[in-house]
PDB file of N, CA and C in Angstrom:
ATOM      1  N   MET A   1      -2.540  -1.752  -9.782  1.00  0.00           N
ATOM      2  CA  MET A   1      -2.711  -0.727 -10.148  1.00  0.00           C
ATOM      3  C   MET A   1      -2.093   0.432  -9.436  1.00  0.00           C
ATOM      4  N   LEU A   2      -1.418   0.299  -8.655  1.00  0.00           N
ATOM      5  CA  LEU A   2      -0.584   1.317  -7.984  1.00  0.00           C
ATOM      6  C   LEU A   2       1.136   1.533  -8.410  1.00  0.00           C
ATOM      7  N   ASN A   3       1.715   0.574  -9.117  1.00  0.00           N
ATOM      8  CA  ASN A   3       2.585   0.838 -10.058  1.00  0.00           C
ATOM      9  C   ASN A   3       2.439   1.095 -10.867  1.00  0.00           C
ATOM     10  N   ASP A   4       1.258   0.936 -11.706  1.00  0.00           N
ATOM     11  CA  ASP A   4       0.755   1.343 -13.304  1.00  0.00           C
ATOM     12  C   ASP A   4       0.131   2.389 -13.190  1.00  0.00           C
ATOM     13  N   GLU A   5      -0.874   2.730 -12.583  1.00  0.00           N
ATOM     14  CA  GLU A   5      -1.522   4.039 -12.404  1.00  0.00           C
ATOM     15  C   GLU A   5      -0.972   5.167 -11.215  1.00  0.00           C
ATOM     16  N   VAL A   6      -1.537   4.404  -9.690  1.00  0.00           N
ATOM     17  CA  VAL A   6      -1.349   5.580  -9.116  1.00  0.00           C
ATOM     18  C   VAL A   6       0.125   6.697  -8.707  1.00  0.00           C
ATOM     19  N   LEU A   7       1.593   5.368  -8.423  1.00  0.00           N
ATOM     20  CA  LEU A   7       2.929   5.927  -8.419  1.00  0.00           C
ATOM     21  C   LEU A   7       3.069   6.914  -9.746  1.00  0.00           C
ATOM     22  N   PRO A   8       3.169   6.225 -10.898  1.00  0.00           N
ATOM     23  CA  PRO A   8       3.045   7.459 -12.487  1.00  0.00           C
ATOM     24  C   PRO A   8       2.382   8.691 -11.919  1.00  0.00           C
ATOM     25  N   PHE A   9       1.355   8.301 -12.022  1.00  0.00           N
ATOM     26  CA  PHE A   9       0.796  10.264 -11.276  1.00  0.00           C
ATOM     27  C   PHE A   9       1.226  11.296 -10.724  1.00  0.00           C
ATOM     28  N   PHE A  10       1.524  10.211  -9.444  1.00  0.00           N
ATOM     29  CA  PHE A  10       3.081  10.946  -7.967  1.00  0.00           C
ATOM     30  C   PHE A  10       3.905  11.451  -8.918  1.00  0.00           C
ATOM     31  N   GLU A  11       4.234  10.908  -9.478  1.00  0.00           N
ATOM     32  CA  GLU A  11       5.950  11.376  -9.889  1.00  0.00           C
ATOM     33  C   GLU A  11       5.882  12.069 -11.039  1.00  0.00           C
ATOM     34  N   GLN A  12       4.292  12.266 -11.950  1.00  0.00           N
ATOM     35  CA  GLN A  12       4.007  12.782 -13.072  1.00  0.00           C
ATOM     36  C   GLN A  12       3.463  14.321 -12.262  1.00  0.00           C
ATOM     37  N   HIS A  13       3.332  14.656 -11.544  1.00  0.00           N
ATOM     38  CA  HIS A  13       2.838  15.927 -10.592  1.00  0.00           C
ATOM     39  C   HIS A  13       3.714  16.251  -9.436  1.00  0.00           C
ATOM     40  N   THR A  14       4.692  15.989  -9.328  1.00  0.00           N
ATOM     41  CA  THR A  14       6.120  15.580  -8.162  1.00  0.00           C
ATOM     42  C   THR A  14       5.517  16.076  -6.912  1.00  0.00           C
ATOM     43  N   LEU A  15       4.397  14.991  -6.872  1.00  0.00           N
ATOM     44  CA  LEU A  15       3.815  14.869  -5.485  1.00  0.00           C
ATOM     45  C   LEU A  15       4.561  14.489  -4.383  1.00  0.00           C
ATOM     46  N   PRO A  16       4.315  14.365  -3.006  1.00  0.00           N
ATOM     47  CA  PRO A  16       5.727  13.691  -2.287  1.00  0.00           C
ATOM     48  C   PRO A  16       5.200  11.843  -2.015  1.00  0.00           C
ATOM     49  N   ILE A  17       6.155  11.205  -1.768  1.00  0.00           N
ATOM     50  CA  ILE A  17       5.951   9.869  -1.425  1.00  0.00           C
ATOM     51  C   ILE A  17       4.804   9.354  -0.416  1.00  0.00           C
ATOM     52  N   ILE A  18       4.221   8.170  -1.150  1.00  0.00           N
ATOM     53  CA  ILE A  18       3.060   7.991   0.192  1.00  0.00           C
ATOM     54  C   ILE A  18       3.721   7.623   1.116  1.00  0.00           C
ATOM     55  N   LEU A  19       3.000   8.223   2.372  1.00  0.00           N
ATOM     56  CA  LEU A  19       3.609   7.779   3.508  1.00  0.00           C
ATOM     57  C   LEU A  19       2.301   6.242   4.052  1.00  0.00           C
ATOM     58  N   ARG A  20       0.993   6.644   3.663  1.00  0.00           N
ATOM     59  CA  ARG A  20       0.611   5.579   4.266  1.00  0.00           C
ATOM     60  C   ARG A  20      -0.425   5.135   3.162  1.00  0.00           C
ATOM     61  N   ILE A  21      -1.016   3.663   2.875  1.00  0.00           N
ATOM     62  CA  ILE A  21      -2.006   3.309   2.054  1.00  0.00           C
ATOM     63  C   ILE A  21      -3.378   2.708   2.877  1.00  0.00           C
ATOM     64  N   LEU A  22      -4.027   3.066   2.488  1.00  0.00           N
ATOM     65  CA  LEU A  22      -5.625   2.332   3.355  1.00  0.00           C
ATOM     66  C   LEU A  22      -6.121   1.090   2.386  1.00  0.00           C
ATOM     67  N   THR A  23      -6.194   0.071   3.177  1.00  0.00           N
ATOM     68  CA  THR A  23      -6.659  -1.113   2.682  1.00  0.00           C
ATOM     69  C   THR A  23      -7.650  -2.006   3.346  1.00  0.00           C
ATOM     70  N   ASP A  24      -8.525  -2.406   2.782  1.00  0.00           N
ATOM     71  CA  ASP A  24      -9.575  -3.358   3.326  1.00  0.00           C
ATOM     72  C   ASP A  24      -8.919  -4.449   4.286  1.00  0.00           C
ATOM     73  N   ARG A  25      -9.108  -5.557   4.803  1.00  0.00           N
ATOM     74  CA  ARG A  25      -8.395  -6.439   5.494  1.00  0.00           C
ATOM     75  C   ARG A  25      -8.380  -8.308   4.612  1.00  0.00           C
ATOM     76  N   GLY A  26      -8.548  -7.634   3.303  1.00  0.00           N
ATOM     77  CA  GLY A  26      -8.418  -8.256   2.317  1.00  0.00           C
ATOM     78  C   GLY A  26      -6.959  -9.459   2.259  1.00  0.00           C
ATOM     79  N   ALA A  27      -6.800 -10.882   2.297  1.00  0.00           N
ATOM     80  CA  ALA A  27      -5.803 -11.601   2.099  1.00  0.00           C
ATOM     81  C   ALA A  27      -4.699 -11.323   1.259  1.00  0.00           C
ATOM     82  N   GLU A  28      -4.781 -10.639   0.042  1.00  0.00           N
ATOM     83  CA  GLU A  28      -3.765  -9.793  -0.818  1.00  0.00           C
ATOM     84  C   GLU A  28      -3.153  -9.216  -0.069  1.00  0.00           C
ATOM     85  N   PHE A  29      -3.246  -8.537   0.732  1.00  0.00           N
ATOM     86  CA  PHE A  29      -2.557  -7.373   1.694  1.00  0.00           C
ATOM     87  C   PHE A  29      -1.615  -7.843   3.037  1.00  0.00           C
ATOM     88  N   TYR A  30      -1.480  -9.048   3.039  1.00  0.00           N
ATOM     89  CA  TYR A  30      -1.418  -9.350   4.636  1.00  0.00           C
ATOM     90  C   TYR A  30      -0.161 -10.642   4.482  1.00  0.00           C
ATOM     91  N   GLY A  31       0.843 -11.144   5.043  1.00  0.00           N
ATOM     92  CA  GLY A  31       1.553 -11.770   4.846  1.00  0.00           C
ATOM     93  C   GLY A  31       2.971 -11.402   5.108  1.00  0.00           C
ATOM     94  N   ARG A  32       4.211 -12.290   5.251  1.00  0.00           N
ATOM     95  CA  ARG A  32       5.611 -11.589   5.050  1.00  0.00           C
ATOM     96  C   ARG A  32       6.197 -11.098   3.889  1.00  0.00           C
ATOM     97  N   VAL A  33       6.839 -10.242   4.183  1.00  0.00           N
ATOM     98  CA  VAL A  33       7.709  -9.388   3.365  1.00  0.00           C
ATOM     99  C   VAL A  33       8.080  -9.771   2.484  1.00  0.00           C
ATOM    100  N   ASN A  34       8.810 -11.194   2.357  1.00  0.00           N
ATOM    101  CA  ASN A  34       9.278 -11.866   1.005  1.00  0.00           C
ATOM    102  C   ASN A  34       8.345 -12.395   0.352  1.00  0.00           C
ATOM    103  N   LYS A  35       7.365 -12.886   0.817  1.00  0.00           N
ATOM    104  CA  LYS A  35       6.342 -13.620  -0.305  1.00  0.00           C
ATOM    105  C   LYS A  35       5.072 -12.893  -1.348  1.00  0.00           C
ATOM    106  N   TYR A  36       5.202 -11.239  -0.213  1.00  0.00           N
ATOM    107  CA  TYR A  36       3.778 -11.021  -0.712  1.00  0.00           C
ATOM    108  C   TYR A  36       4.576  -9.017  -1.092  1.00  0.00           C
ATOM    109  N   VAL A  37       4.287  -9.224  -2.521  1.00  0.00           N
ATOM    110  CA  VAL A  37       4.909  -8.149  -3.060  1.00  0.00           C
ATOM    111  C   VAL A  37       4.664  -6.764  -2.601  1.00  0.00           C
ATOM    112  N   TYR A  38       2.858  -6.463  -2.260  1.00  0.00           N
ATOM    113  CA  TYR A  38       2.890  -5.331  -1.682  1.00  0.00           C
ATOM    114  C   TYR A  38       3.449  -5.363  -0.578  1.00  0.00           C
ATOM    115  N   GLN A  39       3.398  -5.921   0.789  1.00  0.00           N
ATOM    116  CA  GLN A  39       4.673  -5.584   1.874  1.00  0.00           C
ATOM    117  C   GLN A  39       5.998  -5.525   1.195  1.00  0.00           C
ATOM    118  N   LEU A  40       6.408  -5.925   0.482  1.00  0.00           N
ATOM    119  CA  LEU A  40       7.423  -5.898  -0.139  1.00  0.00           C
ATOM    120  C   LEU A  40       7.963  -4.213  -0.370  1.00  0.00           C
ATOM    121  N   TYR A  41       6.450  -3.926  -1.270  1.00  0.00           N
ATOM    122  CA  TYR A  41       6.990  -1.960  -1.402  1.00  0.00           C
ATOM    123  C   TYR A  41       6.449  -1.416  -0.698  1.00  0.00           C
ATOM    124  N   LEU A  42       5.717  -1.939   0.241  1.00  0.00           N
ATOM    125  CA  LEU A  42       6.178  -1.006   1.620  1.00  0.00           C
ATOM    126  C   LEU A  42       7.547  -0.837   2.757  1.00  0.00           C
ATOM    127  N   ALA A  43       7.230  -1.947   2.350  1.00  0.00           N
ATOM    128  CA  ALA A  43       9.123  -2.328   3.209  1.00  0.00           C
ATOM    129  C   ALA A  43       9.747  -0.945   3.098  1.00  0.00           C
ATOM    130  N   LEU A  44      10.133  -1.485   1.356  1.00  0.00           N
ATOM    131  CA  LEU A  44      11.174  -0.646   0.847  1.00  0.00           C
ATOM    132  C   LEU A  44      10.805   0.786   0.712  1.00  0.00           C
ATOM    133  N   ASN A  45       9.324   1.520   1.000  1.00  0.00           N
ATOM    134  CA  ASN A  45       8.992   2.899   0.651  1.00  0.00           C
ATOM    135  C   ASN A  45       9.005   3.686   2.164  1.00  0.00           C
ATOM    136  N   ASP A  46       9.140   2.656   3.638  1.00  0.00           N
ATOM    137  CA  ASP A  46       8.502   3.273   4.507  1.00  0.00           C
ATOM    138  C   ASP A  46       7.551   3.783   4.411  1.00  0.00           C
ATOM    139  N   SER A  47       6.517   2.963   3.990  1.00  0.00           N
ATOM    140  CA  SER A  47       5.452   3.077   4.076  1.00  0.00           C
ATOM    141  C   SER A  47       4.519   2.492   5.214  1.00  0.00           C
ATOM    142  N   LYS A  48       3.315   2.862   5.795  1.00  0.00           N
ATOM    143  CA  LYS A  48       2.746   2.114   6.709  1.00  0.00           C
ATOM    144  C   LYS A  48       1.672   2.005   6.180  1.00  0.00           C
ATOM    145  N   HIS A  49       0.983   0.796   6.734  1.00  0.00           N
ATOM    146  CA  HIS A  49      -0.384  -0.137   5.902  1.00  0.00           C
ATOM    147  C   HIS A  49      -1.406   0.247   7.086  1.00  0.00           C
ATOM    148  N   CYS A  50      -2.318   0.829   6.467  1.00  0.00           N
ATOM    149  CA  CYS A  50      -3.417   1.180   7.874  1.00  0.00           C
ATOM    150  C   CYS A  50      -4.492   0.395   7.275  1.00  0.00           C
ATOM    151  N   LYS A  51      -5.287  -0.443   8.005  1.00  0.00           N
ATOM    152  CA  LYS A  51      -6.373  -1.509   7.710  1.00  0.00           C
ATOM    153  C   LYS A  51      -8.145  -0.500   8.195  1.00  0.00           C
ATOM    154  N   THR A  52      -9.270  -0.996   7.282  1.00  0.00           N
ATOM    155  CA  THR A  52     -10.070  -0.219   7.872  1.00  0.00           C
ATOM    156  C   THR A  52     -10.670  -1.420   8.909  1.00  0.00           C
ATOM    157  N   LYS A  53     -11.545  -0.843   9.833  1.00  0.00           N
ATOM    158  CA  LYS A  53     -11.780  -1.484  10.807  1.00  0.00           C
ATOM    159  C   LYS A  53     -12.524  -2.059  10.809  1.00  0.00           C
ATOM    160  N   VAL A  54     -12.912  -3.554  11.269  1.00  0.00           N
ATOM    161  CA  VAL A  54     -14.236  -4.407  11.363  1.00  0.00           C
ATOM    162  C   VAL A  54     -15.747  -3.697  11.664  1.00  0.00           C
ATOM    163  N   ARG A  55     -16.571  -3.814  11.382  1.00  0.00           N
ATOM    164  CA  ARG A  55     -17.964  -3.364  12.431  1.00  0.00           C
ATOM    165  C   ARG A  55     -18.487  -4.603  11.929  1.00  0.00           C
ATOM    166  N   PRO A  56     -19.288  -4.925  13.538  1.00  0.00           N
ATOM    167  CA  PRO A  56     -20.150  -5.788  13.571  1.00  0.00           C
ATOM    168  C   PRO A  56     -21.730  -5.330  12.386  1.00  0.00           C
ATOM    169  N   HIS A  57     -22.134  -6.763  12.206  1.00  0.00           N
ATOM    170  CA  HIS A  57     -23.441  -6.271  11.280  1.00  0.00           C
ATOM    171  C   HIS A  57     -24.632  -6.131  12.159  1.00  0.00           C
TER     172      HIS A  57
END
């Protein structure tokens, strides 16, 4: 979704680069840069990964 919709929208409207992305704590957003495409994207674009906070039930 990021590559297919979000980034093209930013480019089309000449918006600044994405500095920070907020995600939940899903496993798909964590890992080594060389193993996970998401982490690689953040590293290449100097974007910060912010995570939601865990709240007790």
